[in-house]
């Protein structure tokens, strides 16, 4: 994702009904504001690297520690 157009990228993924995608630096922090839900680890570390589209609901995860 282009850090200057994260919302546009999110809108595109929604429109394509993409099931999920990964987020890389430098967008791991900015993407959070466009998600519908996040797991508790994101609340602790403030970074999202995985997004799952669950029937239009975007849920953010951080798998850096468990990965």
C-alpha atoms as a PDB file:
ATOM      1  CA  UNK A   1       0.000   0.000   0.000  1.00  0.00           C
ATOM      2  CA  UNK A   2       1.101   3.510  -0.726  1.00  0.00           C
ATOM      3  CA  UNK A   3       1.365   5.275   2.629  1.00  0.00           C
ATOM      4  CA  UNK A   4      -0.309   8.323   1.068  1.00  0.00           C
ATOM      5  CA  UNK A   5      -3.372   6.340  -0.021  1.00  0.00           C
ATOM      6  CA  UNK A   6      -4.040   3.677   2.600  1.00  0.00           C
ATOM      7  CA  UNK A   7      -7.766   4.402   2.652  1.00  0.00           C
ATOM      8  CA  UNK A   8      -7.942   4.016  -1.145  1.00  0.00           C
ATOM      9  CA  UNK A   9      -6.167   0.670  -0.907  1.00  0.00           C
ATOM     10  CA  UNK A  10      -8.559  -0.507   1.825  1.00  0.00           C
ATOM     11  CA  UNK A  11     -11.554   0.600  -0.268  1.00  0.00           C
ATOM     12  CA  UNK A  12     -10.127  -1.330  -3.224  1.00  0.00           C
ATOM     13  CA  UNK A  13      -9.659  -4.499  -1.187  1.00  0.00           C
ATOM     14  CA  UNK A  14     -13.250  -4.180   0.053  1.00  0.00           C
ATOM     15  CA  UNK A  15     -14.536  -3.681  -3.506  1.00  0.00           C
ATOM     16  CA  UNK A  16     -12.608  -6.728  -4.708  1.00  0.00           C
ATOM     17  CA  UNK A  17     -13.914  -8.715  -1.738  1.00  0.00           C
ATOM     18  CA  UNK A  18     -10.343  -9.819  -1.031  1.00  0.00           C
ATOM     19  CA  UNK A  19     -10.419 -12.375   1.782  1.00  0.00           C
ATOM     20  CA  UNK A  20      -7.283 -11.009   3.389  1.00  0.00           C
ATOM     21  CA  UNK A  21      -3.909  -9.388   2.920  1.00  0.00           C
ATOM     22  CA  UNK A  22      -0.690  -8.484   4.681  1.00  0.00           C
ATOM     23  CA  UNK A  23       0.427  -5.001   5.641  1.00  0.00           C
ATOM     24  CA  UNK A  24       4.052  -3.905   5.559  1.00  0.00           C
ATOM     25  CA  UNK A  25       6.032  -1.035   7.017  1.00  0.00           C
ATOM     26  CA  UNK A  26       5.333   1.903   6.947  1.00  0.00           C
ATOM     27  CA  UNK A  27       1.569   1.221   6.901  1.00  0.00           C
ATOM     28  CA  UNK A  28       1.214  -1.058   9.949  1.00  0.00           C
ATOM     29  CA  UNK A  29       0.109   1.807  12.188  1.00  0.00           C
ATOM     30  CA  UNK A  30      -1.967   3.863   9.768  1.00  0.00           C
ATOM     31  CA  UNK A  31      -4.093   0.955   8.533  1.00  0.00           C
ATOM     32  CA  UNK A  32      -5.633   0.448  11.996  1.00  0.00           C
ATOM     33  CA  UNK A  33      -7.925   3.461  11.707  1.00  0.00           C
ATOM     34  CA  UNK A  34      -9.644   1.957   8.645  1.00  0.00           C
ATOM     35  CA  UNK A  35     -10.448  -1.428  10.218  1.00  0.00           C
ATOM     36  CA  UNK A  36     -13.753  -2.455  11.772  1.00  0.00           C
ATOM     37  CA  UNK A  37     -12.199  -4.562  14.543  1.00  0.00           C
ATOM     38  CA  UNK A  38      -8.756  -5.464  15.850  1.00  0.00           C
ATOM     39  CA  UNK A  39      -7.402  -8.173  18.096  1.00  0.00           C
ATOM     40  CA  UNK A  40      -6.089  -7.258  21.545  1.00  0.00           C
ATOM     41  CA  UNK A  41      -2.456  -7.615  20.520  1.00  0.00           C
ATOM     42  CA  UNK A  42      -2.842  -4.635  18.192  1.00  0.00           C
ATOM     43  CA  UNK A  43      -4.057  -2.631  21.187  1.00  0.00           C
ATOM     44  CA  UNK A  44      -0.830  -3.551  22.984  1.00  0.00           C
ATOM     45  CA  UNK A  45       1.704  -3.069  20.186  1.00  0.00           C
ATOM     46  CA  UNK A  46      -0.076  -0.550  17.967  1.00  0.00           C
ATOM     47  CA  UNK A  47       0.701  -2.289  14.692  1.00  0.00           C
ATOM     48  CA  UNK A  48      -1.330  -4.439  12.293  1.00  0.00           C
ATOM     49  CA  UNK A  49       0.302  -6.734   9.745  1.00  0.00           C
ATOM     50  CA  UNK A  50      -2.614  -8.964   8.704  1.00  0.00           C
ATOM     51  CA  UNK A  51      -6.170  -8.054   7.691  1.00  0.00           C
ATOM     52  CA  UNK A  52      -8.982 -10.565   7.277  1.00  0.00           C
ATOM     53  CA  UNK A  53     -12.171  -9.656   5.426  1.00  0.00           C
ATOM     54  CA  UNK A  54     -14.984 -11.557   7.152  1.00  0.00           C
ATOM     55  CA  UNK A  55     -18.013 -10.867   4.926  1.00  0.00           C
ATOM     56  CA  UNK A  56     -17.164  -7.182   4.645  1.00  0.00           C
ATOM     57  CA  UNK A  57     -15.957  -6.746   8.220  1.00  0.00           C
ATOM     58  CA  UNK A  58     -12.239  -5.974   8.251  1.00  0.00           C
ATOM     59  CA  UNK A  59     -10.425  -7.454  11.238  1.00  0.00           C
ATOM     60  CA  UNK A  60      -6.807  -6.602  11.955  1.00  0.00           C
ATOM     61  CA  UNK A  61      -4.266  -8.923  13.531  1.00  0.00           C
ATOM     62  CA  UNK A  62      -0.606  -8.773  14.441  1.00  0.00           C
ATOM     63  CA  UNK A  63       1.207 -12.033  13.787  1.00  0.00           C
ATOM     64  CA  UNK A  64       4.744 -10.666  14.230  1.00  0.00           C
ATOM     65  CA  UNK A  65       5.216 -12.294  17.623  1.00  0.00           C
ATOM     66  CA  UNK A  66       3.540 -15.599  16.864  1.00  0.00           C
ATOM     67  CA  UNK A  67       4.977 -15.763  13.353  1.00  0.00           C
END
